[in-house]
N, C-alpha and C. Protein backbone atom coordinates (compact mmCIF):
# COMPACT_ATOMS: atom_id res chain seq x y z
N UNK A 1 69.26 100.18 115.62
CA UNK A 1 69.66 101.33 114.85
C UNK A 1 69.60 102.06 115.67
N UNK A 2 70.59 103.51 116.01
CA UNK A 2 70.20 104.34 116.75
C UNK A 2 69.07 105.92 116.39
N UNK A 3 68.41 106.56 117.07
CA UNK A 3 67.38 107.36 116.77
C UNK A 3 68.32 108.62 117.29
N UNK A 4 68.26 109.57 116.62
CA UNK A 4 68.61 110.93 116.16
C UNK A 4 68.10 111.31 117.54
N UNK A 5 66.67 111.51 117.91
CA UNK A 5 66.59 111.74 119.31
C UNK A 5 67.12 111.21 120.25
N UNK A 6 67.39 110.19 120.35
CA UNK A 6 68.34 109.16 121.45
C UNK A 6 69.68 110.29 122.03
N UNK A 7 70.40 110.44 121.05
CA UNK A 7 71.76 111.25 121.22
C UNK A 7 71.77 112.57 121.97
N UNK A 8 72.47 111.97 123.19
CA UNK A 8 72.68 113.38 124.33
C UNK A 8 73.72 114.08 123.91
N UNK A 9 75.22 113.22 123.42
CA UNK A 9 76.16 114.11 123.17
C UNK A 9 76.66 113.81 122.01
N UNK A 10 77.09 114.90 121.20
CA UNK A 10 77.78 114.95 119.94
C UNK A 10 79.04 115.32 120.36
N UNK A 11 80.05 113.92 119.83
CA UNK A 11 81.49 114.47 120.18
C UNK A 11 82.12 114.65 118.73
N UNK A 12 82.56 115.92 119.24
CA UNK A 12 83.38 116.29 117.54
C UNK A 12 84.35 116.27 117.56
N UNK A 13 85.06 115.42 116.62
CA UNK A 13 86.67 115.32 116.57
C UNK A 13 87.39 115.69 115.33
N UNK A 14 88.41 116.86 115.38
CA UNK A 14 88.66 117.88 114.39
C UNK A 14 90.17 116.82 114.21
N UNK A 15 90.31 116.54 113.19
CA UNK A 15 91.88 115.77 112.41
C UNK A 15 92.31 116.09 111.39
N UNK A 16 93.91 116.39 111.38
CA UNK A 16 94.06 116.66 110.01
C UNK A 16 95.88 115.81 109.98
N UNK A 17 95.73 114.82 109.06
CA UNK A 17 97.42 114.60 109.21
C UNK A 17 97.61 113.52 110.46
N UNK A 18 96.79 112.98 110.81
CA UNK A 18 97.18 112.34 112.35
C UNK A 18 97.09 110.59 112.00
N UNK A 19 97.44 110.12 110.81
CA UNK A 19 97.71 109.03 110.74
C UNK A 19 98.03 107.87 111.74
N UNK A 20 99.19 108.77 112.27
CA UNK A 20 99.95 107.72 113.74
C UNK A 20 99.06 107.92 114.82
N UNK A 21 98.06 108.54 115.25
CA UNK A 21 97.17 108.65 116.39
C UNK A 21 95.96 108.68 116.56
N UNK A 22 95.25 108.82 115.04
CA UNK A 22 93.75 109.09 115.20
C UNK A 22 93.08 107.72 115.67
N UNK A 23 93.77 106.36 115.65
CA UNK A 23 93.15 105.43 115.92
C UNK A 23 93.10 105.19 117.63
N UNK A 24 94.02 105.84 118.51
CA UNK A 24 94.26 105.58 119.80
C UNK A 24 93.15 106.85 120.25
N UNK A 25 92.70 107.98 119.52
CA UNK A 25 91.61 108.76 119.81
C UNK A 25 90.45 108.28 119.66
N UNK A 26 90.10 107.85 118.31
CA UNK A 26 88.61 107.01 118.07
C UNK A 26 88.12 106.04 119.24
N UNK A 27 89.09 105.22 119.41
CA UNK A 27 89.31 104.18 120.24
C UNK A 27 88.76 105.15 121.91
N UNK A 28 89.40 105.45 122.03
CA UNK A 28 89.52 106.31 123.27
C UNK A 28 87.67 106.79 123.32
N UNK A 29 87.18 107.41 122.09
CA UNK A 29 85.82 107.47 122.56
C UNK A 29 84.79 106.80 122.66
N UNK A 30 84.95 105.63 121.24
CA UNK A 30 84.41 104.56 121.99
C UNK A 30 84.10 103.78 123.19
N UNK A 31 84.88 104.04 123.84
CA UNK A 31 85.19 103.29 124.91
C UNK A 31 84.62 103.90 126.28
N UNK A 32 83.94 104.90 125.91
CA UNK A 32 83.08 105.26 126.78
C UNK A 32 81.70 104.82 127.04
N UNK A 33 82.14 104.55 128.94
CA UNK A 33 80.93 103.81 129.30
C UNK A 33 79.67 104.87 130.16
N UNK A 34 78.75 104.78 128.99
CA UNK A 34 77.46 105.67 129.23
C UNK A 34 76.38 105.36 129.49
N UNK A 35 75.60 105.83 129.94
CA UNK A 35 73.68 105.30 130.17
C UNK A 35 73.25 106.34 128.89
N UNK A 36 73.72 106.58 128.28
CA UNK A 36 73.33 107.52 127.00
C UNK A 36 74.03 107.38 125.59
N UNK A 37 73.24 107.25 124.54
CA UNK A 37 73.90 107.24 123.40
C UNK A 37 74.53 108.75 122.61
N UNK A 38 75.30 108.39 122.02
CA UNK A 38 76.57 109.52 121.59
C UNK A 38 76.82 109.00 120.59
N UNK A 39 77.14 110.63 119.69
CA UNK A 39 77.56 109.82 118.39
C UNK A 39 79.40 110.76 118.16
N UNK A 40 79.84 110.60 117.18
CA UNK A 40 81.00 111.09 117.15
C UNK A 40 81.27 111.70 115.61
N UNK A 41 81.49 113.06 115.04
CA UNK A 41 81.55 113.45 113.96
C UNK A 41 82.84 113.93 114.16
N UNK A 42 83.57 113.12 113.24
CA UNK A 42 84.64 113.59 112.82
C UNK A 42 85.03 114.41 111.71
N UNK A 43 85.89 115.28 112.05
CA UNK A 43 85.81 116.39 111.27
C UNK A 43 87.65 116.46 110.54
N UNK A 44 87.77 115.88 109.28
CA UNK A 44 88.90 115.89 108.59
C UNK A 44 89.10 116.84 107.55
N UNK A 45 90.49 117.81 107.62
CA UNK A 45 90.54 119.15 107.20
C UNK A 45 91.36 118.73 106.09
N UNK A 46 90.77 117.64 105.31
CA UNK A 46 91.60 117.24 103.55
C UNK A 46 93.25 116.82 104.17
N UNK A 47 93.24 115.66 105.25
CA UNK A 47 94.22 115.40 105.20
C UNK A 47 94.98 114.60 104.14
N UNK A 48 96.22 114.14 103.92
CA UNK A 48 97.05 113.85 102.75
C UNK A 48 97.70 112.68 103.16
N UNK A 49 97.61 112.43 104.11
CA UNK A 49 98.21 110.95 104.47
C UNK A 49 97.46 109.77 104.82
N UNK A 50 97.22 108.73 105.00
CA UNK A 50 96.22 107.82 105.50
C UNK A 50 95.30 108.15 106.64
N UNK A 51 94.86 109.07 107.06
CA UNK A 51 94.05 109.03 108.02
C UNK A 51 92.29 109.44 107.69
N UNK A 52 92.28 109.89 106.45
CA UNK A 52 90.96 109.22 105.79
C UNK A 52 90.73 107.85 105.62
N UNK A 53 91.52 107.15 105.23
CA UNK A 53 91.05 105.99 104.90
C UNK A 53 90.82 105.13 106.43
N UNK A 54 91.42 105.47 107.31
CA UNK A 54 91.07 105.22 109.25
C UNK A 54 89.89 105.50 109.47
N UNK A 55 89.42 106.29 109.04
CA UNK A 55 88.39 107.17 109.39
C UNK A 55 86.98 106.33 108.59
N UNK A 56 87.14 106.03 107.54
CA UNK A 56 85.97 105.39 106.58
C UNK A 56 86.38 104.04 107.67
N UNK A 57 87.54 103.34 107.58
CA UNK A 57 87.08 101.95 108.04
C UNK A 57 85.98 102.26 109.36
N UNK A 58 86.19 102.72 110.32
CA UNK A 58 85.74 103.04 111.71
C UNK A 58 84.20 103.37 111.28
N UNK A 59 83.98 104.29 110.38
CA UNK A 59 82.51 104.53 109.85
C UNK A 59 81.86 103.26 109.13
N UNK A 60 82.26 102.42 108.78
CA UNK A 60 82.10 101.15 108.02
C UNK A 60 81.83 100.11 108.93
N UNK A 61 82.80 100.33 110.23
CA UNK A 61 82.33 99.13 111.53
C UNK A 61 81.17 99.83 112.36
N UNK A 62 81.31 101.40 112.40
CA UNK A 62 80.24 101.93 113.77
C UNK A 62 79.46 102.83 112.48
N UNK A 63 78.22 102.51 111.74
CA UNK A 63 77.88 103.31 111.30
C UNK A 63 76.60 104.15 111.57
N UNK A 64 76.24 104.19 112.72
CA UNK A 64 75.62 105.36 113.69
C UNK A 64 75.93 105.45 114.79
N UNK A 65 77.42 105.48 114.69
CA UNK A 65 78.35 106.31 115.79
C UNK A 65 79.33 107.33 114.84
N UNK A 66 79.64 106.88 114.07
CA UNK A 66 80.67 107.80 113.44
C UNK A 66 80.55 107.90 112.21
N UNK A 67 80.24 109.35 112.24
CA UNK A 67 79.95 110.27 111.12
C UNK A 67 80.71 111.20 110.58
N UNK A 68 81.59 111.31 109.31
CA UNK A 68 82.74 112.06 108.70
C UNK A 68 81.99 113.26 108.51
N UNK A 69 83.03 114.02 108.74
CA UNK A 69 82.96 115.26 107.42
C UNK A 69 84.27 115.21 106.93
N UNK A 70 84.16 114.83 105.45
CA UNK A 70 85.39 115.21 105.12
C UNK A 70 85.31 116.82 103.79
N UNK A 71 86.64 117.17 104.13
CA UNK A 71 86.94 118.46 103.00
C UNK A 71 88.04 117.97 102.13
N UNK A 72 87.37 119.12 101.09
CA UNK A 72 88.37 118.54 100.00
C UNK A 72 89.73 119.31 100.07
N UNK A 73 89.12 120.68 100.70
CA UNK A 73 90.59 122.07 100.71
C UNK A 73 90.27 122.06 101.94
N UNK A 74 91.58 122.19 102.55
CA UNK A 74 92.26 122.53 103.99
C UNK A 74 91.39 123.74 103.84
N UNK A 75 90.67 124.05 105.24
CA UNK A 75 89.68 124.83 105.78
C UNK A 75 90.81 125.63 106.75
N UNK A 76 91.78 125.30 107.27
CA UNK A 76 92.45 125.83 108.64
C UNK A 76 93.98 126.79 107.36
N UNK A 77 94.36 126.13 106.56
CA UNK A 77 95.49 127.20 105.88
C UNK A 77 94.18 128.33 105.22
N UNK A 78 92.99 128.68 105.27
CA UNK A 78 92.41 129.13 104.45
C UNK A 78 91.84 130.13 105.47
N UNK A 79 92.16 130.02 106.76
CA UNK A 79 91.83 131.09 107.67
C UNK A 79 90.43 130.93 108.05
N UNK A 80 89.39 129.66 107.91
CA UNK A 80 87.83 129.85 107.82
C UNK A 80 87.15 129.23 108.80
N UNK A 81 86.29 129.16 109.53
CA UNK A 81 85.72 128.46 110.04
C UNK A 81 85.28 127.17 110.31
N UNK A 82 86.24 126.08 110.04
CA UNK A 82 86.30 124.87 109.55
C UNK A 82 85.84 123.97 110.72
N UNK A 83 85.54 124.54 112.05
CA UNK A 83 84.43 123.92 112.96
C UNK A 83 83.29 123.93 112.84
N UNK A 84 82.64 124.99 111.74
CA UNK A 84 81.25 125.08 111.78
C UNK A 84 80.34 124.29 111.24
N UNK A 85 81.19 123.81 110.23
CA UNK A 85 80.20 122.39 109.70
C UNK A 85 79.85 121.22 110.46
N UNK A 86 81.07 120.60 111.31
CA UNK A 86 80.66 119.78 112.04
C UNK A 86 80.06 120.30 113.20
N UNK A 87 80.43 121.11 113.70
CA UNK A 87 79.42 121.41 115.08
C UNK A 87 77.56 121.57 114.57
N UNK A 88 77.65 121.92 113.38
CA UNK A 88 76.37 122.46 112.79
C UNK A 88 75.49 121.40 112.62
N UNK A 89 76.17 120.45 111.99
CA UNK A 89 75.46 118.41 112.45
C UNK A 89 75.06 117.89 113.58
N UNK A 90 75.72 118.67 114.50
CA UNK A 90 75.75 117.57 115.86
C UNK A 90 74.25 117.69 116.07
N UNK A 91 73.78 116.49 116.91
CA UNK A 91 72.89 116.03 116.93
C UNK A 91 71.79 115.98 118.42
N UNK A 92 73.09 115.90 119.60
CA UNK A 92 73.51 115.76 120.72
C UNK A 92 72.58 116.96 121.65
N UNK A 93 72.14 117.18 122.60
CA UNK A 93 71.91 118.16 124.04
C UNK A 93 73.12 118.99 124.17
N UNK A 94 74.30 118.26 124.24
CA UNK A 94 75.41 118.52 124.72
C UNK A 94 76.58 118.24 123.50
N UNK A 95 77.56 119.18 123.15
CA UNK A 95 79.04 119.11 122.50
C UNK A 95 80.27 119.01 123.68
N UNK A 96 80.78 117.50 122.80
CA UNK A 96 82.01 117.46 123.56
C UNK A 96 83.31 117.65 122.42
N UNK A 97 84.55 118.06 122.70
CA UNK A 97 84.97 117.81 121.42
C UNK A 97 86.22 117.08 121.50
N UNK A 98 87.28 116.17 120.61
CA UNK A 98 88.22 115.65 120.71
C UNK A 98 88.86 116.04 120.05
N UNK A 99 90.48 115.62 120.04
CA UNK A 99 91.24 116.19 118.87
C UNK A 99 92.48 114.73 118.74
N UNK A 100 92.67 114.55 116.85
CA UNK A 100 92.74 113.58 116.47
C UNK A 100 94.02 113.01 116.82
N UNK A 101 94.59 113.82 117.19
CA UNK A 101 96.22 113.30 118.00
C UNK A 101 96.37 113.82 119.33
N UNK A 102 94.82 113.52 119.96
CA UNK A 102 95.13 113.55 121.64
C UNK A 102 94.38 112.18 121.79
N UNK A 103 94.40 111.98 123.03
CA UNK A 103 93.12 110.74 123.54
C UNK A 103 92.58 110.93 125.07
N UNK A 104 91.47 110.12 125.02
CA UNK A 104 90.68 110.63 126.35
C UNK A 104 91.27 109.46 127.29
N UNK A 105 91.55 109.56 128.31
CA UNK A 105 92.14 108.55 129.34
C UNK A 105 91.28 107.73 130.31
N UNK A 106 90.23 108.56 130.25
CA UNK A 106 89.30 108.37 131.37
C UNK A 106 87.89 107.76 130.76
N UNK A 107 87.31 106.27 130.91
CA UNK A 107 86.38 106.04 130.11
C UNK A 107 85.20 106.30 130.66
N UNK A 108 85.04 107.20 131.64
CA UNK A 108 83.69 108.00 132.63
C UNK A 108 83.56 109.61 131.98
N UNK A 109 84.30 109.97 130.80
CA UNK A 109 84.72 111.36 130.67
C UNK A 109 83.34 111.97 130.62
N UNK A 110 82.97 111.24 129.66
CA UNK A 110 81.15 111.70 129.12
C UNK A 110 80.40 111.57 129.99
N UNK A 111 80.20 110.51 130.60
CA UNK A 111 79.17 110.17 131.78
C UNK A 111 79.47 111.47 132.72
N UNK A 112 80.68 111.39 133.31
CA UNK A 112 80.42 113.05 134.42
C UNK A 112 80.47 113.88 134.08
N UNK A 113 81.06 114.06 132.91
CA UNK A 113 80.27 115.77 132.62
C UNK A 113 79.21 115.90 132.18
N UNK A 114 78.67 114.70 131.19
CA UNK A 114 76.82 115.11 131.04
C UNK A 114 76.42 115.31 132.59
N UNK A 115 76.42 114.22 132.82
CA UNK A 115 75.97 114.09 134.47
C UNK A 115 75.67 115.92 135.41
N UNK A 116 76.97 115.95 135.26
CA UNK A 116 77.37 117.09 135.83
C UNK A 116 76.62 118.53 135.14
N UNK A 117 76.59 118.75 134.24
CA UNK A 117 75.75 119.74 133.18
C UNK A 117 74.04 119.65 133.74
N UNK A 118 73.59 118.08 133.83
CA UNK A 118 72.67 117.83 133.59
C UNK A 118 72.11 118.40 135.28
N UNK A 119 73.10 118.46 136.12
CA UNK A 119 72.37 118.89 137.54
C UNK A 119 72.49 120.03 138.06
N UNK A 120 73.43 120.81 136.85
CA UNK A 120 73.93 122.28 137.11
C UNK A 120 73.76 123.22 136.09
N UNK A 121 72.06 123.62 135.84
CA UNK A 121 71.83 124.24 134.79
C UNK A 121 72.01 125.53 134.22
N UNK A 122 73.05 126.02 135.71
CA UNK A 122 73.32 127.24 135.38
C UNK A 122 74.84 127.31 134.52
N UNK A 123 75.22 126.18 134.31
CA UNK A 123 76.64 126.29 134.08
C UNK A 123 76.41 125.49 132.44
N UNK A 124 77.67 126.41 131.85
CA UNK A 124 77.43 126.80 130.03
C UNK A 124 78.69 125.54 129.51
N UNK A 125 79.82 125.62 130.29
CA UNK A 125 80.76 125.00 130.16
C UNK A 125 81.33 124.70 131.29
N UNK A 126 81.53 122.83 130.84
CA UNK A 126 82.50 122.63 131.96
C UNK A 126 83.36 121.76 131.28
N UNK A 127 84.83 121.63 131.92
CA UNK A 127 86.27 121.24 131.74
C UNK A 127 86.86 120.73 132.84
N UNK A 128 87.60 119.86 132.80
CA UNK A 128 88.47 118.63 133.33
C UNK A 128 90.21 118.90 133.48
N UNK A 129 90.65 118.53 134.60
CA UNK A 129 92.16 118.45 134.11
C UNK A 129 92.73 117.82 132.85
N UNK A 130 94.15 118.34 132.47
CA UNK A 130 94.52 117.34 131.51
C UNK A 130 96.00 116.92 131.64
N UNK A 131 96.73 115.93 131.18
CA UNK A 131 97.92 115.87 131.47
C UNK A 131 98.40 115.77 129.94
N UNK A 132 99.72 116.47 129.99
CA UNK A 132 100.40 116.68 128.78
C UNK A 132 101.58 115.21 128.05
N UNK A 133 101.55 114.80 127.40
CA UNK A 133 102.67 113.56 126.76
C UNK A 133 103.61 114.50 125.55
N UNK A 134 104.31 114.01 125.75
CA UNK A 134 105.71 114.71 124.92
C UNK A 134 106.44 113.73 124.04
N UNK A 135 105.54 113.75 122.76
CA UNK A 135 105.88 113.02 121.69
C UNK A 135 107.65 112.57 122.02
N UNK A 136 108.56 113.72 121.84
CA UNK A 136 110.08 113.48 121.47
C UNK A 136 110.34 112.88 122.78
N UNK A 137 109.99 113.10 123.53
CA UNK A 137 110.94 112.18 125.02
C UNK A 137 109.91 111.04 125.63
N UNK A 138 108.57 111.05 125.15
CA UNK A 138 107.87 110.07 125.39
C UNK A 138 107.26 109.86 126.82
N UNK A 139 107.44 111.26 127.53
CA UNK A 139 107.23 111.42 129.06
C UNK A 139 105.83 112.34 129.07
N UNK A 140 105.13 111.93 130.73
CA UNK A 140 103.80 112.65 130.88
C UNK A 140 104.34 113.57 131.55
N UNK A 141 103.52 114.43 131.52
CA UNK A 141 103.47 115.78 132.65
C UNK A 141 102.25 116.11 133.18
N UNK A 142 102.09 116.64 134.33
CA UNK A 142 100.75 116.83 134.61
C UNK A 142 100.43 118.01 134.57
N UNK A 143 100.75 118.79 133.63
CA UNK A 143 100.08 120.14 133.21
C UNK A 143 99.96 120.55 131.85
N UNK A 144 98.97 121.43 131.49
CA UNK A 144 98.83 121.58 130.13
C UNK A 144 99.56 122.76 129.51
N UNK A 145 99.92 122.80 127.73
CA UNK A 145 100.52 123.83 127.37
C UNK A 145 101.85 124.05 128.27
N UNK A 146 102.48 123.27 128.23
CA UNK A 146 104.24 123.18 129.20
C UNK A 146 104.67 124.47 129.11
N UNK A 147 104.75 125.71 128.11
CA UNK A 147 105.17 126.99 128.16
C UNK A 147 105.01 128.26 128.86
N UNK A 148 103.67 127.09 129.22
CA UNK A 148 102.64 128.54 129.92
C UNK A 148 102.54 127.50 131.48
N UNK A 149 103.46 126.98 131.65
CA UNK A 149 103.18 125.73 133.40
C UNK A 149 102.90 126.64 134.07
N UNK A 150 102.39 126.69 135.16
CA UNK A 150 102.02 127.42 136.45
C UNK A 150 102.00 128.95 136.22
N UNK A 151 101.73 130.04 135.08
CA UNK A 151 102.02 131.21 134.94
C UNK A 151 100.54 131.36 134.31
N UNK A 152 99.19 130.57 133.72
CA UNK A 152 98.16 131.13 133.77
C UNK A 152 97.07 131.50 135.07
N UNK A 153 95.81 132.64 134.51
CA UNK A 153 95.18 132.51 135.98
C UNK A 153 94.25 131.09 136.15
N UNK A 154 95.02 129.64 136.03
CA UNK A 154 94.55 128.77 136.52
C UNK A 154 93.80 128.20 137.81
N UNK A 155 92.75 128.22 138.57
CA UNK A 155 93.05 128.09 140.32
C UNK A 155 92.27 126.82 140.87
N UNK A 156 92.49 125.97 139.31
CA UNK A 156 92.23 124.40 139.64
C UNK A 156 90.29 124.01 139.35
N UNK A 157 89.97 122.91 140.06
CA UNK A 157 88.85 122.76 139.94
C UNK A 157 87.76 124.07 141.05
N UNK A 158 86.50 123.77 140.21
CA UNK A 158 85.67 124.80 140.86
C UNK A 158 84.91 125.75 140.11
N UNK A 159 84.52 126.56 140.53
CA UNK A 159 83.54 127.62 139.95
C UNK A 159 84.25 128.97 139.40
N UNK A 160 83.75 129.32 137.95
CA UNK A 160 84.54 130.13 136.79
C UNK A 160 83.74 131.11 136.83
N UNK A 161 84.16 132.15 137.05
CA UNK A 161 83.04 133.25 136.79
C UNK A 161 83.02 133.32 135.06
N UNK A 162 82.53 134.42 134.38
CA UNK A 162 82.71 134.77 132.89
C UNK A 162 83.96 135.86 133.15
N UNK A 163 84.26 136.20 134.07
CA UNK A 163 85.61 137.34 133.33
C UNK A 163 86.08 135.97 133.69
N UNK A 164 86.65 135.26 134.21
CA UNK A 164 87.74 134.63 134.69
C UNK A 164 87.72 133.18 133.76
N UNK A 165 86.81 132.99 132.99
CA UNK A 165 86.82 132.02 131.61
C UNK A 165 87.59 133.01 130.80
N UNK A 166 86.95 133.91 130.61
CA UNK A 166 87.85 135.18 129.33
C UNK A 166 89.18 135.24 129.53
N UNK A 167 89.61 135.37 130.92
CA UNK A 167 91.29 135.01 131.35
C UNK A 167 91.57 134.33 130.86
N UNK A 168 91.50 133.09 131.16
CA UNK A 168 91.50 132.19 130.62
C UNK A 168 92.24 131.58 129.42
N UNK A 169 91.19 132.46 128.08
CA UNK A 169 91.38 132.44 126.89
C UNK A 169 91.71 131.01 126.51
N UNK A 170 92.57 130.81 125.21
CA UNK A 170 92.84 129.42 124.97
C UNK A 170 93.51 128.15 125.63
N UNK A 171 93.57 128.68 127.12
CA UNK A 171 94.25 127.65 127.60
C UNK A 171 92.84 126.71 128.20
N UNK A 172 92.27 126.61 127.89
CA UNK A 172 90.60 125.65 127.57
C UNK A 172 90.61 125.00 126.37
N UNK A 173 91.37 123.79 126.19
CA UNK A 173 91.60 123.22 125.00
C UNK A 173 90.34 122.56 124.68
N UNK A 174 89.80 122.34 123.08
CA UNK A 174 88.96 121.88 123.48
C UNK A 174 88.41 120.49 123.72
N UNK A 175 89.68 119.69 124.04
CA UNK A 175 89.46 117.84 124.02
C UNK A 175 88.89 118.11 125.62
N UNK A 176 88.99 118.89 126.35
CA UNK A 176 88.15 119.27 127.45
C UNK A 176 87.17 119.69 127.92
N UNK A 177 86.34 120.03 127.03
CA UNK A 177 85.66 120.55 127.44
C UNK A 177 83.76 120.02 126.64
N UNK A 178 83.29 120.78 127.25
CA UNK A 178 82.34 120.30 127.00
C UNK A 178 80.50 121.40 126.77
N UNK A 179 79.70 121.42 126.37
CA UNK A 179 78.81 122.83 126.30
C UNK A 179 77.88 121.99 125.60
N UNK A 180 76.65 123.25 126.44
CA UNK A 180 75.30 122.98 125.89
C UNK A 180 74.57 123.22 124.00
N UNK A 181 74.59 122.57 123.38
CA UNK A 181 74.10 122.85 121.99
C UNK A 181 73.11 123.70 121.52
N UNK A 182 72.18 123.83 122.56
CA UNK A 182 71.43 125.04 122.57
C UNK A 182 71.45 126.91 122.14
N UNK A 183 72.94 126.93 122.32
CA UNK A 183 73.86 127.85 121.69
C UNK A 183 74.84 127.18 121.51
N UNK A 184 75.06 127.67 119.65
CA UNK A 184 75.96 127.27 119.14
C UNK A 184 76.85 128.62 118.05
N UNK A 185 78.06 129.05 118.71
CA UNK A 185 78.38 130.21 117.88
C UNK A 185 79.34 129.85 116.82
N UNK A 186 79.03 130.71 116.00
CA UNK A 186 79.63 130.40 114.53
C UNK A 186 81.56 131.04 114.90
N UNK A 187 82.08 130.15 114.47
CA UNK A 187 83.45 130.27 114.65
C UNK A 187 84.62 130.72 112.73
N UNK A 188 84.66 131.97 112.70
CA UNK A 188 85.11 132.29 111.36
C UNK A 188 86.45 132.45 111.37
N UNK A 189 87.15 131.83 112.17
CA UNK A 189 88.84 131.60 112.46
C UNK A 189 89.15 130.45 112.50
N UNK A 190 90.35 130.32 112.76
CA UNK A 190 90.86 128.77 113.09
C UNK A 190 91.43 128.92 114.99
N UNK A 191 91.20 129.65 115.38
CA UNK A 191 91.73 129.92 117.13
C UNK A 191 90.03 129.30 117.76
N UNK A 192 89.96 128.33 117.37
CA UNK A 192 88.21 127.80 118.00
C UNK A 192 88.45 127.69 119.45
N UNK A 193 89.18 126.98 119.70
CA UNK A 193 88.93 126.99 121.56
C UNK A 193 89.06 128.12 122.01
N UNK A 194 89.90 129.06 121.62
CA UNK A 194 90.22 130.68 122.15
C UNK A 194 88.52 131.06 122.21
N UNK A 195 87.91 131.39 120.58
CA UNK A 195 86.58 131.79 120.95
C UNK A 195 85.34 131.09 121.15
N UNK A 196 85.44 129.71 121.07
CA UNK A 196 84.38 129.21 122.04
C UNK A 196 84.06 129.44 123.37
N UNK A 197 85.90 129.47 123.87
CA UNK A 197 85.75 129.85 125.47
C UNK A 197 84.92 131.25 125.81
N UNK A 198 84.99 132.09 124.80
CA UNK A 198 84.69 133.54 125.11
C UNK A 198 83.53 133.51 124.76
N UNK A 199 82.55 132.87 123.72
CA UNK A 199 81.49 132.47 123.37
C UNK A 199 80.48 132.27 124.64
N UNK A 200 81.08 130.48 124.96
CA UNK A 200 80.39 130.28 126.45
C UNK A 200 80.60 131.56 127.66
N UNK A 201 81.43 132.05 127.84
CA UNK A 201 81.81 133.27 128.62
C UNK A 201 80.52 134.15 128.51
N UNK A 202 80.32 134.18 127.61
CA UNK A 202 79.24 135.46 127.61
C UNK A 202 77.82 135.01 127.89
N UNK A 203 77.83 133.91 127.76
CA UNK A 203 76.26 132.89 127.85
C UNK A 203 76.04 132.80 129.31
N UNK A 204 77.27 132.30 130.46
CA UNK A 204 77.21 132.13 131.76
C UNK A 204 78.49 131.59 132.10
N UNK A 205 78.61 131.02 133.06
CA UNK A 205 80.01 130.34 134.25
C UNK A 205 80.04 129.13 133.77
N UNK A 206 81.80 129.02 133.96
CA UNK A 206 82.13 127.12 133.52
C UNK A 206 82.31 126.57 135.21
N UNK A 207 82.76 125.48 135.07
CA UNK A 207 83.15 124.99 136.22
C UNK A 207 84.23 123.67 136.00
N UNK A 208 84.87 123.52 136.43
CA UNK A 208 86.66 122.82 136.07
C UNK A 208 86.34 121.41 137.79
N UNK A 209 86.21 119.95 136.71
CA UNK A 209 86.35 119.14 137.46
C UNK A 209 87.92 118.55 138.11
N UNK A 210 88.21 118.16 138.74
CA UNK A 210 89.47 117.58 139.23
C UNK A 210 89.34 116.31 139.36
N UNK A 211 89.86 115.97 137.79
CA UNK A 211 90.26 114.93 137.14
C UNK A 211 90.33 114.96 136.20
N UNK A 212 91.73 114.46 135.89
CA UNK A 212 92.43 114.45 134.81
C UNK A 212 91.71 113.04 133.75
N UNK A 213 90.91 113.47 132.42
CA UNK A 213 90.51 112.73 131.55
C UNK A 213 90.70 112.93 130.23
N UNK A 214 92.02 113.55 129.94
CA UNK A 214 92.60 113.37 128.35
C UNK A 214 94.03 113.75 128.52
N UNK A 215 94.62 113.37 127.59
CA UNK A 215 95.98 113.83 127.43
C UNK A 215 96.25 114.13 126.32
N UNK A 216 96.69 115.51 126.24
CA UNK A 216 97.11 116.13 125.08
C UNK A 216 98.22 115.85 124.75
N UNK A 217 98.91 115.40 123.44
CA UNK A 217 100.02 115.42 122.75
C UNK A 217 100.46 116.15 122.30
N UNK A 218 102.08 116.53 122.59
CA UNK A 218 102.84 117.58 122.41
C UNK A 218 103.83 116.77 121.51
N UNK A 219 103.55 117.09 120.05
CA UNK A 219 104.39 116.78 119.11
C UNK A 219 105.74 118.15 118.77
C-alpha cells in the first residue's frame, strides 16, 4: 500500500462527459515509468454520460493511485473554481495536470519534468511541446491551438521570464505543466490554465522542455 508521504507528484485530471476518451487519458498516465510514487486525482464535473462509471472501475482496480472527486452539480457552468477541490487534496511535492479528453504520448513525461524541477529550484513551472489531434479529420499537427498557430509569443524550448509567461497567457495548457505544490493559488473562475500561469509567473520563472509529450484533442 502506498504511503502518502511517498507521493512525489499528484496528477490532477479534469473531466466532463469524456466517456469516449477517458480510458485513453487514464491509461496514458498509468503507463508512466517513474522511480517515485504518484497519485491521480480525477475531478469529474458532474458528467451525464458513462464517464463516472469508467472512473469508478479504474478506482476499484487501482485504489492506491486513482482518487476521484465527483461533483453532483456542474461547477464549470456556475463559473466556480472547480479545480480548487482536487488540487487541495494533492499530496505530492509537485502537481501535474491532465484533461480527460487529451492523453500523454510519452511514458517518460512525469520523470523528465520531475527530474528537471528537482535540479532547477528557481523554476516554478515546467512545460513542454504538444501536438494537436483533430478529432473530425483524424489528423495530427505539430502545434497547439490551431487558431493561434505561429502567432503567439512562444519562442520554443528554454527559459521563460515572468513577463514572458504572462504574455503567453492561456497558451500553456494544463496538460503540459507541472509546478511545485508549496504554492497553490485558489482559482475562483473556470479559466484555470490562464490564472494558474499568471499565479506561477508571480512566484518565478518557467522552463519549456523541447519534447512533445502530450496530445491535445481538438473536437
